[in-house]
Amino acid sequence: MTPEQYVQDKAAASGSSFYYAFLFLPKPRRAAITAFYAFCREVDDVVDEVTDPGVASTKLAWWRQEVMQAFEGRPQHPAMRALMPHAGEFGLEPRQLLAVIDGCQVDLEQTRFLDFPALERYCHLVAGVVGEVAARIFGQTQPQTTAYAHKLGLAFQLTNIIRDVGEDAMRGRIYIPVSELQRFDVKAHEITRRQYSDRFAALMKFQADRAHALYDEALSLLPAADQRSQKPGLMMASIYRTLLREIEDENFQVLQQRISLPPLRKFWLAWKVQALGRF
């Protein structure tokens, strides 16, 4: 199997909303973003699939070494071998990939966040930097587009957190800030035991309102000159925001189930952005 086929299979198997946005890209950009996404999945899987924290930390250390060797011209892993031919063209830097690994390291070392600024710092590593890299690959020409990408990445990650509250609790993680749990009088054990309440629904509505505000802020930051090139990000925004609205319509029943959009609907939402240039 070639590195290119490996990353393609990794991206397709994930079923992620990101995959649908990649379909409309020109081949070189699609190859680059698919390889980068595969790298992100690889390091994220270390945290989600390796049960021994010590082993997981060792694996992340290996990935840090792999990133540095890859940028020195010696990639070993198929994801890095697929990514590196595009690194120079799209301005990828080791610090960006290392930041993603640092975010996964945070997952190994803490399962709670005291307040929103602490959560925001984590989200910057695992989502904001990902948005930054993606914006470059998509064809960014304006410096302000980086701020848009960071903000949109934060909105995506908060949407993920809302969607995955129940699943994350099963792993012993609660990403909702402790200060906000206290504000809405929701106890951590209620979430880990999947105990739904009106208080929990109010807490989640607060999270959703903040995510919507971040989507609006991100879109306001996107320069007109880059709106066409950043269509894949707008496709993802359409899919993720539609998902968020679905969760709201279900009154945040996310403790016992994982609310998702069917593949055909994701493709339709992506196609509409491709055809109309907006959502």
C-alpha atoms as a PDB file:
ATOM      1  CA  MET A   1       0.000   0.000   0.000  1.00  0.00           C
ATOM      2  CA  THR A   2       1.336   3.424  -0.924  1.00  0.00           C
ATOM      3  CA  PRO A   3       1.464   6.252   1.638  1.00  0.00           C
ATOM      4  CA  GLU A   4      -1.154   8.081  -0.423  1.00  0.00           C
ATOM      5  CA  GLN A   5      -3.549   5.129  -0.295  1.00  0.00           C
ATOM      6  CA  TYR A   6      -2.888   4.719   3.422  1.00  0.00           C
ATOM      7  CA  VAL A   7      -3.919   8.290   4.264  1.00  0.00           C
ATOM      8  CA  GLN A   8      -6.897   8.123   1.903  1.00  0.00           C
ATOM      9  CA  ASP A   9      -8.155   4.998   3.668  1.00  0.00           C
ATOM     10  CA  LYS A  10      -7.536   6.586   7.066  1.00  0.00           C
ATOM     11  CA  ALA A  11      -9.554   9.679   6.157  1.00  0.00           C
ATOM     12  CA  ALA A  12     -12.406   7.765   4.538  1.00  0.00           C
ATOM     13  CA  ALA A  13     -12.700   5.264   7.400  1.00  0.00           C
ATOM     14  CA  SER A  14     -13.086   8.037   9.971  1.00  0.00           C
ATOM     15  CA  GLY A  15     -16.438   9.155   8.570  1.00  0.00           C
ATOM     16  CA  SER A  16     -15.510  12.682   9.611  1.00  0.00           C
ATOM     17  CA  SER A  17     -17.283  15.767   8.329  1.00  0.00           C
ATOM     18  CA  PHE A  18     -13.860  16.977   7.176  1.00  0.00           C
ATOM     19  CA  TYR A  19     -13.708  14.224   4.566  1.00  0.00           C
ATOM     20  CA  TYR A  20     -16.702  15.614   2.678  1.00  0.00           C
ATOM     21  CA  ALA A  21     -15.087  19.033   2.377  1.00  0.00           C
ATOM     22  CA  PHE A  22     -11.921  17.492   0.916  1.00  0.00           C
ATOM     23  CA  LEU A  23     -13.808  15.940  -1.995  1.00  0.00           C
ATOM     24  CA  PHE A  24     -14.200  19.256  -3.814  1.00  0.00           C
ATOM     25  CA  LEU A  25     -10.540  20.309  -3.655  1.00  0.00           C
ATOM     26  CA  PRO A  26      -8.089  20.197  -6.581  1.00  0.00           C
ATOM     27  CA  LYS A  27      -5.947  17.061  -6.438  1.00  0.00           C
ATOM     28  CA  PRO A  28      -2.712  18.536  -4.936  1.00  0.00           C
ATOM     29  CA  ARG A  29      -4.598  20.342  -2.157  1.00  0.00           C
ATOM     30  CA  ARG A  30      -6.778  17.289  -1.527  1.00  0.00           C
ATOM     31  CA  ALA A  31      -3.692  15.096  -1.234  1.00  0.00           C
ATOM     32  CA  ALA A  32      -2.061  17.496   1.240  1.00  0.00           C
ATOM     33  CA  ILE A  33      -5.084  17.961   3.506  1.00  0.00           C
ATOM     34  CA  THR A  34      -5.854  14.239   3.466  1.00  0.00           C
ATOM     35  CA  ALA A  35      -2.306  13.455   4.596  1.00  0.00           C
ATOM     36  CA  PHE A  36      -2.439  16.116   7.308  1.00  0.00           C
ATOM     37  CA  TYR A  37      -5.803  14.850   8.515  1.00  0.00           C
ATOM     38  CA  ALA A  38      -4.412  11.304   8.656  1.00  0.00           C
ATOM     39  CA  PHE A  39      -1.525  12.566  10.799  1.00  0.00           C
ATOM     40  CA  CYS A  40      -4.012  14.215  13.184  1.00  0.00           C
ATOM     41  CA  ARG A  41      -6.046  11.013  13.400  1.00  0.00           C
ATOM     42  CA  GLU A  42      -2.929   8.960  14.111  1.00  0.00           C
ATOM     43  CA  VAL A  43      -1.853  11.032  17.099  1.00  0.00           C
ATOM     44  CA  ASP A  44      -5.427  11.397  18.360  1.00  0.00           C
ATOM     45  CA  ASP A  45      -5.870   7.623  18.218  1.00  0.00           C
ATOM     46  CA  VAL A  46      -2.899   7.249  20.543  1.00  0.00           C
ATOM     47  CA  VAL A  47      -4.913   8.952  23.278  1.00  0.00           C
ATOM     48  CA  ASP A  48      -8.242   7.296  22.491  1.00  0.00           C
ATOM     49  CA  GLU A  49      -7.073   3.741  21.866  1.00  0.00           C
ATOM     50  CA  VAL A  50      -4.027   3.164  24.098  1.00  0.00           C
ATOM     51  CA  THR A  51      -5.233   2.370  27.608  1.00  0.00           C
ATOM     52  CA  ASP A  52      -1.864   2.636  29.371  1.00  0.00           C
ATOM     53  CA  PRO A  53      -0.957   6.360  29.786  1.00  0.00           C
ATOM     54  CA  GLY A  54       2.736   5.513  29.945  1.00  0.00           C
ATOM     55  CA  VAL A  55       2.622   3.658  26.646  1.00  0.00           C
ATOM     56  CA  ALA A  56       0.575   6.451  25.081  1.00  0.00           C
ATOM     57  CA  SER A  57       3.074   9.064  26.246  1.00  0.00           C
ATOM     58  CA  THR A  58       5.913   7.015  24.757  1.00  0.00           C
ATOM     59  CA  LYS A  59       4.044   6.815  21.456  1.00  0.00           C
ATOM     60  CA  LEU A  60       3.522  10.588  21.411  1.00  0.00           C
ATOM     61  CA  ALA A  61       7.244  11.050  22.091  1.00  0.00           C
ATOM     62  CA  TRP A  62       7.905   8.828  19.058  1.00  0.00           C
ATOM     63  CA  TRP A  63       5.623  11.041  16.982  1.00  0.00           C
ATOM     64  CA  ARG A  64       7.511  14.163  18.076  1.00  0.00           C
ATOM     65  CA  GLN A  65      10.745  12.560  16.905  1.00  0.00           C
ATOM     66  CA  GLU A  66       9.063  11.451  13.671  1.00  0.00           C
ATOM     67  CA  VAL A  67       7.926  15.009  12.916  1.00  0.00           C
ATOM     68  CA  MET A  68      11.425  16.407  13.380  1.00  0.00           C
ATOM     69  CA  GLN A  69      12.993  13.639  11.289  1.00  0.00           C
ATOM     70  CA  ALA A  70      10.394  14.100   8.574  1.00  0.00           C
ATOM     71  CA  PHE A  71      11.181  17.801   8.220  1.00  0.00           C
ATOM     72  CA  GLU A  72      14.847  16.805   7.973  1.00  0.00           C
ATOM     73  CA  GLY A  73      13.957  14.609   5.013  1.00  0.00           C
ATOM     74  CA  ARG A  74      13.646  11.242   6.775  1.00  0.00           C
ATOM     75  CA  PRO A  75       9.931  10.425   7.258  1.00  0.00           C
ATOM     76  CA  GLN A  76       9.106   6.866   8.291  1.00  0.00           C
ATOM     77  CA  HIS A  77       5.372   6.699   8.969  1.00  0.00           C
ATOM     78  CA  PRO A  78       3.087   6.507   5.889  1.00  0.00           C
ATOM     79  CA  ALA A  79       1.161   9.604   7.010  1.00  0.00           C
ATOM     80  CA  MET A  80       4.352  11.659   7.166  1.00  0.00           C
ATOM     81  CA  ARG A  81       5.658  10.190   3.918  1.00  0.00           C
ATOM     82  CA  ALA A  82       2.419  11.291   2.256  1.00  0.00           C
ATOM     83  CA  LEU A  83       2.477  14.730   3.869  1.00  0.00           C
ATOM     84  CA  MET A  84       6.068  15.852   3.443  1.00  0.00           C
ATOM     85  CA  PRO A  85       6.050  16.285  -0.376  1.00  0.00           C
ATOM     86  CA  HIS A  86       3.467  19.061   0.207  1.00  0.00           C
ATOM     87  CA  ALA A  87       5.063  20.732   3.243  1.00  0.00           C
ATOM     88  CA  GLY A  88       7.120  23.273   1.329  1.00  0.00           C
ATOM     89  CA  GLU A  89       4.391  24.214  -1.137  1.00  0.00           C
ATOM     90  CA  PHE A  90       1.850  24.980   1.583  1.00  0.00           C
ATOM     91  CA  GLY A  91       4.178  26.407   4.234  1.00  0.00           C
ATOM     92  CA  LEU A  92       3.789  23.685   6.823  1.00  0.00           C
ATOM     93  CA  GLU A  93       6.065  24.013   9.847  1.00  0.00           C
ATOM     94  CA  PRO A  94       7.189  21.498  12.505  1.00  0.00           C
ATOM     95  CA  ARG A  95       5.755  23.705  15.286  1.00  0.00           C
ATOM     96  CA  GLN A  96       2.239  23.191  13.908  1.00  0.00           C
ATOM     97  CA  LEU A  97       2.408  19.409  13.966  1.00  0.00           C
ATOM     98  CA  LEU A  98       4.133  19.451  17.346  1.00  0.00           C
ATOM     99  CA  ALA A  99       1.332  21.640  18.721  1.00  0.00           C
ATOM    100  CA  VAL A 100      -1.221  18.994  17.729  1.00  0.00           C
ATOM    101  CA  ILE A 101       0.847  16.384  19.568  1.00  0.00           C
ATOM    102  CA  ASP A 102       1.066  18.705  22.590  1.00  0.00           C
ATOM    103  CA  GLY A 103      -2.719  18.899  22.625  1.00  0.00           C
ATOM    104  CA  CYS A 104      -2.939  15.109  22.721  1.00  0.00           C
ATOM    105  CA  GLN A 105      -0.413  15.127  25.567  1.00  0.00           C
ATOM    106  CA  VAL A 106      -2.783  17.393  27.509  1.00  0.00           C
ATOM    107  CA  ASP A 107      -5.455  14.719  27.122  1.00  0.00           C
ATOM    108  CA  LEU A 108      -3.133  12.228  28.790  1.00  0.00           C
ATOM    109  CA  GLU A 109      -2.289  14.498  31.693  1.00  0.00           C
ATOM    110  CA  GLN A 110      -5.610  16.063  32.657  1.00  0.00           C
ATOM    111  CA  THR A 111      -9.287  15.180  32.473  1.00  0.00           C
ATOM    112  CA  ARG A 112     -10.758  18.483  33.723  1.00  0.00           C
ATOM    113  CA  PHE A 113     -10.349  22.175  32.862  1.00  0.00           C
ATOM    114  CA  LEU A 114     -10.775  24.769  35.576  1.00  0.00           C
ATOM    115  CA  ASP A 115     -12.222  27.544  33.418  1.00  0.00           C
ATOM    116  CA  PHE A 116     -12.877  28.486  29.804  1.00  0.00           C
ATOM    117  CA  PRO A 117      -9.478  30.146  29.183  1.00  0.00           C
ATOM    118  CA  ALA A 118      -7.837  26.835  30.155  1.00  0.00           C
ATOM    119  CA  LEU A 119     -10.123  24.935  27.793  1.00  0.00           C
ATOM    120  CA  GLU A 120      -9.484  27.504  25.077  1.00  0.00           C
ATOM    121  CA  ARG A 121      -5.723  26.944  25.306  1.00  0.00           C
ATOM    122  CA  TYR A 122      -6.259  23.211  24.841  1.00  0.00           C
ATOM    123  CA  CYS A 123      -8.635  23.798  21.908  1.00  0.00           C
ATOM    124  CA  HIS A 124      -6.041  26.019  20.231  1.00  0.00           C
ATOM    125  CA  LEU A 125      -3.602  23.093  20.161  1.00  0.00           C
ATOM    126  CA  VAL A 126      -5.985  20.396  18.926  1.00  0.00           C
ATOM    127  CA  ALA A 127      -8.227  22.513  16.684  1.00  0.00           C
ATOM    128  CA  GLY A 128      -7.012  26.073  16.179  1.00  0.00           C
ATOM    129  CA  VAL A 129      -3.633  25.012  14.828  1.00  0.00           C
ATOM    130  CA  VAL A 130      -5.351  22.390  12.683  1.00  0.00           C
ATOM    131  CA  GLY A 131      -7.476  25.180  11.212  1.00  0.00           C
ATOM    132  CA  GLU A 132      -4.369  27.248  10.599  1.00  0.00           C
ATOM    133  CA  VAL A 133      -2.706  24.466   8.621  1.00  0.00           C
ATOM    134  CA  ALA A 134      -5.904  23.692   6.726  1.00  0.00           C
ATOM    135  CA  ALA A 135      -6.373  27.336   5.724  1.00  0.00           C
ATOM    136  CA  ARG A 136      -2.879  27.388   4.221  1.00  0.00           C
ATOM    137  CA  ILE A 137      -3.508  24.197   2.275  1.00  0.00           C
ATOM    138  CA  PHE A 138      -6.875  25.466   1.043  1.00  0.00           C
ATOM    139  CA  GLY A 139      -5.138  28.502  -0.479  1.00  0.00           C
ATOM    140  CA  GLN A 140      -4.988  31.312   2.086  1.00  0.00           C
ATOM    141  CA  THR A 141      -3.710  34.621   0.691  1.00  0.00           C
ATOM    142  CA  GLN A 142      -4.602  37.093   3.475  1.00  0.00           C
ATOM    143  CA  PRO A 143      -2.954  37.180   6.943  1.00  0.00           C
ATOM    144  CA  GLN A 144      -6.318  37.775   8.649  1.00  0.00           C
ATOM    145  CA  THR A 145      -7.514  34.380   7.445  1.00  0.00           C
ATOM    146  CA  THR A 146      -5.375  32.801  10.161  1.00  0.00           C
ATOM    147  CA  ALA A 147      -7.485  34.471  12.863  1.00  0.00           C
ATOM    148  CA  TYR A 148     -10.619  33.201  11.098  1.00  0.00           C
ATOM    149  CA  ALA A 149      -9.177  29.677  11.023  1.00  0.00           C
ATOM    150  CA  HIS A 150      -8.288  29.726  14.716  1.00  0.00           C
ATOM    151  CA  LYS A 151     -11.754  30.941  15.692  1.00  0.00           C
ATOM    152  CA  LEU A 152     -13.507  28.429  13.449  1.00  0.00           C
ATOM    153  CA  GLY A 153     -11.377  25.622  14.846  1.00  0.00           C
ATOM    154  CA  LEU A 154     -12.450  26.610  18.347  1.00  0.00           C
ATOM    155  CA  ALA A 155     -16.119  26.539  17.275  1.00  0.00           C
ATOM    156  CA  PHE A 156     -15.633  23.076  15.774  1.00  0.00           C
ATOM    157  CA  GLN A 157     -13.969  21.752  18.916  1.00  0.00           C
ATOM    158  CA  LEU A 158     -16.679  23.122  21.195  1.00  0.00           C
ATOM    159  CA  THR A 159     -19.272  21.459  18.957  1.00  0.00           C
ATOM    160  CA  ASN A 160     -17.368  18.189  19.302  1.00  0.00           C
ATOM    161  CA  ILE A 161     -17.276  18.590  23.067  1.00  0.00           C
ATOM    162  CA  ILE A 162     -21.048  19.123  23.198  1.00  0.00           C
ATOM    163  CA  ARG A 163     -21.678  16.118  20.940  1.00  0.00           C
ATOM    164  CA  ASP A 164     -19.295  13.804  22.784  1.00  0.00           C
ATOM    165  CA  VAL A 165     -20.115  14.612  26.429  1.00  0.00           C
ATOM    166  CA  GLY A 166     -21.425  11.107  27.078  1.00  0.00           C
ATOM    167  CA  GLU A 167     -18.612   9.282  25.275  1.00  0.00           C
ATOM    168  CA  ASP A 168     -15.921  11.411  26.893  1.00  0.00           C
ATOM    169  CA  ALA A 169     -17.442  10.767  30.330  1.00  0.00           C
ATOM    170  CA  MET A 170     -17.073   7.027  29.699  1.00  0.00           C
ATOM    171  CA  ARG A 171     -13.342   7.674  29.303  1.00  0.00           C
ATOM    172  CA  GLY A 172     -13.280   9.697  32.518  1.00  0.00           C
ATOM    173  CA  ARG A 173     -12.941  13.059  30.748  1.00  0.00           C
ATOM    174  CA  ILE A 174     -15.137  16.115  31.164  1.00  0.00           C
ATOM    175  CA  TYR A 175     -14.151  19.016  28.934  1.00  0.00           C
ATOM    176  CA  ILE A 176     -16.819  21.419  30.194  1.00  0.00           C
ATOM    177  CA  PRO A 177     -15.019  23.856  32.534  1.00  0.00           C
ATOM    178  CA  VAL A 178     -15.361  23.187  36.261  1.00  0.00           C
ATOM    179  CA  SER A 179     -16.344  26.814  36.870  1.00  0.00           C
ATOM    180  CA  GLU A 180     -19.293  26.409  34.500  1.00  0.00           C
ATOM    181  CA  LEU A 181     -20.365  23.106  36.016  1.00  0.00           C
ATOM    182  CA  GLN A 182     -20.483  24.945  39.340  1.00  0.00           C
ATOM    183  CA  ARG A 183     -22.349  27.891  37.840  1.00  0.00           C
ATOM    184  CA  PHE A 184     -25.166  25.604  36.634  1.00  0.00           C
ATOM    185  CA  ASP A 185     -24.974  23.310  39.680  1.00  0.00           C
ATOM    186  CA  VAL A 186     -24.145  20.247  37.602  1.00  0.00           C
ATOM    187  CA  LYS A 187     -21.985  17.714  39.454  1.00  0.00           C
ATOM    188  CA  ALA A 188     -19.259  15.806  37.643  1.00  0.00           C
ATOM    189  CA  HIS A 189     -20.643  12.493  38.898  1.00  0.00           C
ATOM    190  CA  GLU A 190     -23.984  13.306  37.265  1.00  0.00           C
ATOM    191  CA  ILE A 191     -22.250  13.481  33.894  1.00  0.00           C
ATOM    192  CA  THR A 192     -20.120  10.373  34.413  1.00  0.00           C
ATOM    193  CA  ARG A 193     -23.264   8.488  35.484  1.00  0.00           C
ATOM    194  CA  ARG A 194     -25.149   9.972  32.512  1.00  0.00           C
ATOM    195  CA  GLN A 195     -27.830  11.586  34.645  1.00  0.00           C
ATOM    196  CA  TYR A 196     -29.765  14.050  32.498  1.00  0.00           C
ATOM    197  CA  SER A 197     -31.464  17.055  34.152  1.00  0.00           C
ATOM    198  CA  ASP A 198     -32.854  20.483  33.360  1.00  0.00           C
ATOM    199  CA  ARG A 199     -29.690  21.893  34.926  1.00  0.00           C
ATOM    200  CA  PHE A 200     -27.589  19.884  32.486  1.00  0.00           C
ATOM    201  CA  ALA A 201     -29.704  21.089  29.551  1.00  0.00           C
ATOM    202  CA  ALA A 202     -29.231  24.704  30.673  1.00  0.00           C
ATOM    203  CA  LEU A 203     -25.480  24.143  30.939  1.00  0.00           C
ATOM    204  CA  MET A 204     -25.338  22.701  27.440  1.00  0.00           C
ATOM    205  CA  LYS A 205     -27.418  25.534  26.019  1.00  0.00           C
ATOM    206  CA  PHE A 206     -24.820  27.916  27.428  1.00  0.00           C
ATOM    207  CA  GLN A 207     -22.106  25.903  25.644  1.00  0.00           C
ATOM    208  CA  ALA A 208     -24.075  25.900  22.380  1.00  0.00           C
ATOM    209  CA  ASP A 209     -24.746  29.644  22.503  1.00  0.00           C
ATOM    210  CA  ARG A 210     -21.022  30.265  22.885  1.00  0.00           C
ATOM    211  CA  ALA A 211     -20.243  27.972  19.954  1.00  0.00           C
ATOM    212  CA  HIS A 212     -22.769  29.799  17.749  1.00  0.00           C
ATOM    213  CA  ALA A 213     -21.214  33.122  18.698  1.00  0.00           C
ATOM    214  CA  LEU A 214     -17.797  31.775  17.701  1.00  0.00           C
ATOM    215  CA  TYR A 215     -19.101  30.609  14.315  1.00  0.00           C
ATOM    216  CA  ASP A 216     -20.465  34.110  13.712  1.00  0.00           C
ATOM    217  CA  GLU A 217     -17.210  35.707  14.836  1.00  0.00           C
ATOM    218  CA  ALA A 218     -15.122  33.399  12.655  1.00  0.00           C
ATOM    219  CA  LEU A 219     -17.183  34.157   9.562  1.00  0.00           C
ATOM    220  CA  SER A 220     -16.881  37.884  10.212  1.00  0.00           C
ATOM    221  CA  LEU A 221     -13.084  37.528  10.252  1.00  0.00           C
ATOM    222  CA  LEU A 222     -12.813  35.811   6.857  1.00  0.00           C
ATOM    223  CA  PRO A 223     -11.522  38.341   4.295  1.00  0.00           C
ATOM    224  CA  ALA A 224     -13.559  38.607   1.107  1.00  0.00           C
ATOM    225  CA  ALA A 225     -10.437  37.860  -0.922  1.00  0.00           C
ATOM    226  CA  ASP A 226     -10.164  34.406   0.660  1.00  0.00           C
ATOM    227  CA  GLN A 227     -13.815  33.397   0.685  1.00  0.00           C
ATOM    228  CA  ARG A 228     -13.496  31.318  -2.465  1.00  0.00           C
ATOM    229  CA  SER A 229     -10.313  29.524  -1.401  1.00  0.00           C
ATOM    230  CA  GLN A 230     -11.698  28.772   2.047  1.00  0.00           C
ATOM    231  CA  LYS A 231     -14.832  27.029   0.785  1.00  0.00           C
ATOM    232  CA  PRO A 232     -13.801  23.713   2.388  1.00  0.00           C
ATOM    233  CA  GLY A 233     -13.770  25.392   5.817  1.00  0.00           C
ATOM    234  CA  LEU A 234     -17.179  26.890   5.092  1.00  0.00           C
ATOM    235  CA  MET A 235     -18.429  23.428   4.132  1.00  0.00           C
ATOM    236  CA  MET A 236     -17.257  22.075   7.467  1.00  0.00           C
ATOM    237  CA  ALA A 237     -18.850  25.030   9.234  1.00  0.00           C
ATOM    238  CA  SER A 238     -22.161  24.268   7.526  1.00  0.00           C
ATOM    239  CA  ILE A 239     -21.998  20.604   8.546  1.00  0.00           C
ATOM    240  CA  TYR A 240     -20.874  21.266  12.118  1.00  0.00           C
ATOM    241  CA  ARG A 241     -23.368  24.058  12.728  1.00  0.00           C
ATOM    242  CA  THR A 242     -26.190  21.929  11.351  1.00  0.00           C
ATOM    243  CA  LEU A 243     -25.107  19.192  13.752  1.00  0.00           C
ATOM    244  CA  LEU A 244     -25.138  21.676  16.620  1.00  0.00           C
ATOM    245  CA  ARG A 245     -28.687  22.694  15.738  1.00  0.00           C
ATOM    246  CA  GLU A 246     -29.722  19.038  15.625  1.00  0.00           C
ATOM    247  CA  ILE A 247     -28.343  18.584  19.139  1.00  0.00           C
ATOM    248  CA  GLU A 248     -30.269  21.654  20.269  1.00  0.00           C
ATOM    249  CA  ASP A 249     -33.460  20.296  18.685  1.00  0.00           C
ATOM    250  CA  GLU A 250     -32.941  17.061  20.671  1.00  0.00           C
ATOM    251  CA  ASN A 251     -32.682  19.172  23.850  1.00  0.00           C
ATOM    252  CA  PHE A 252     -29.061  18.088  24.377  1.00  0.00           C
ATOM    253  CA  GLN A 253     -29.757  14.374  24.819  1.00  0.00           C
ATOM    254  CA  VAL A 254     -26.035  13.669  24.431  1.00  0.00           C
ATOM    255  CA  LEU A 255     -25.349  11.643  27.552  1.00  0.00           C
ATOM    256  CA  GLN A 256     -26.913   8.410  26.341  1.00  0.00           C
ATOM    257  CA  GLN A 257     -26.364   8.764  22.596  1.00  0.00           C
ATOM    258  CA  ARG A 258     -24.143  10.289  19.939  1.00  0.00           C
ATOM    259  CA  ILE A 259     -26.161  12.574  17.691  1.00  0.00           C
ATOM    260  CA  SER A 260     -24.802  12.694  14.147  1.00  0.00           C
ATOM    261  CA  LEU A 261     -25.730  13.587  10.583  1.00  0.00           C
ATOM    262  CA  PRO A 262     -26.073  10.869   7.914  1.00  0.00           C
ATOM    263  CA  PRO A 263     -23.369  10.840   5.206  1.00  0.00           C
ATOM    264  CA  LEU A 264     -25.753  11.891   2.437  1.00  0.00           C
ATOM    265  CA  ARG A 265     -26.804  14.975   4.391  1.00  0.00           C
ATOM    266  CA  LYS A 266     -23.177  15.914   5.007  1.00  0.00           C
ATOM    267  CA  PHE A 267     -22.448  15.603   1.309  1.00  0.00           C
ATOM    268  CA  TRP A 268     -25.524  17.713   0.461  1.00  0.00           C
ATOM    269  CA  LEU A 269     -24.464  20.460   2.868  1.00  0.00           C
ATOM    270  CA  ALA A 270     -20.936  20.459   1.415  1.00  0.00           C
ATOM    271  CA  TRP A 271     -22.261  20.531  -2.152  1.00  0.00           C
ATOM    272  CA  LYS A 272     -24.519  23.499  -1.395  1.00  0.00           C
ATOM    273  CA  VAL A 273     -21.540  25.526  -0.196  1.00  0.00           C
ATOM    274  CA  GLN A 274     -19.559  24.480  -3.256  1.00  0.00           C
ATOM    275  CA  ALA A 275     -22.402  25.513  -5.552  1.00  0.00           C
ATOM    276  CA  LEU A 276     -23.546  28.681  -3.788  1.00  0.00           C
ATOM    277  CA  GLY A 277     -20.364  29.790  -2.037  1.00  0.00           C
ATOM    278  CA  ARG A 278     -22.187  30.269   1.269  1.00  0.00           C
ATOM    279  CA  PHE A 279     -24.502  28.512   3.725  1.00  0.00           C
END
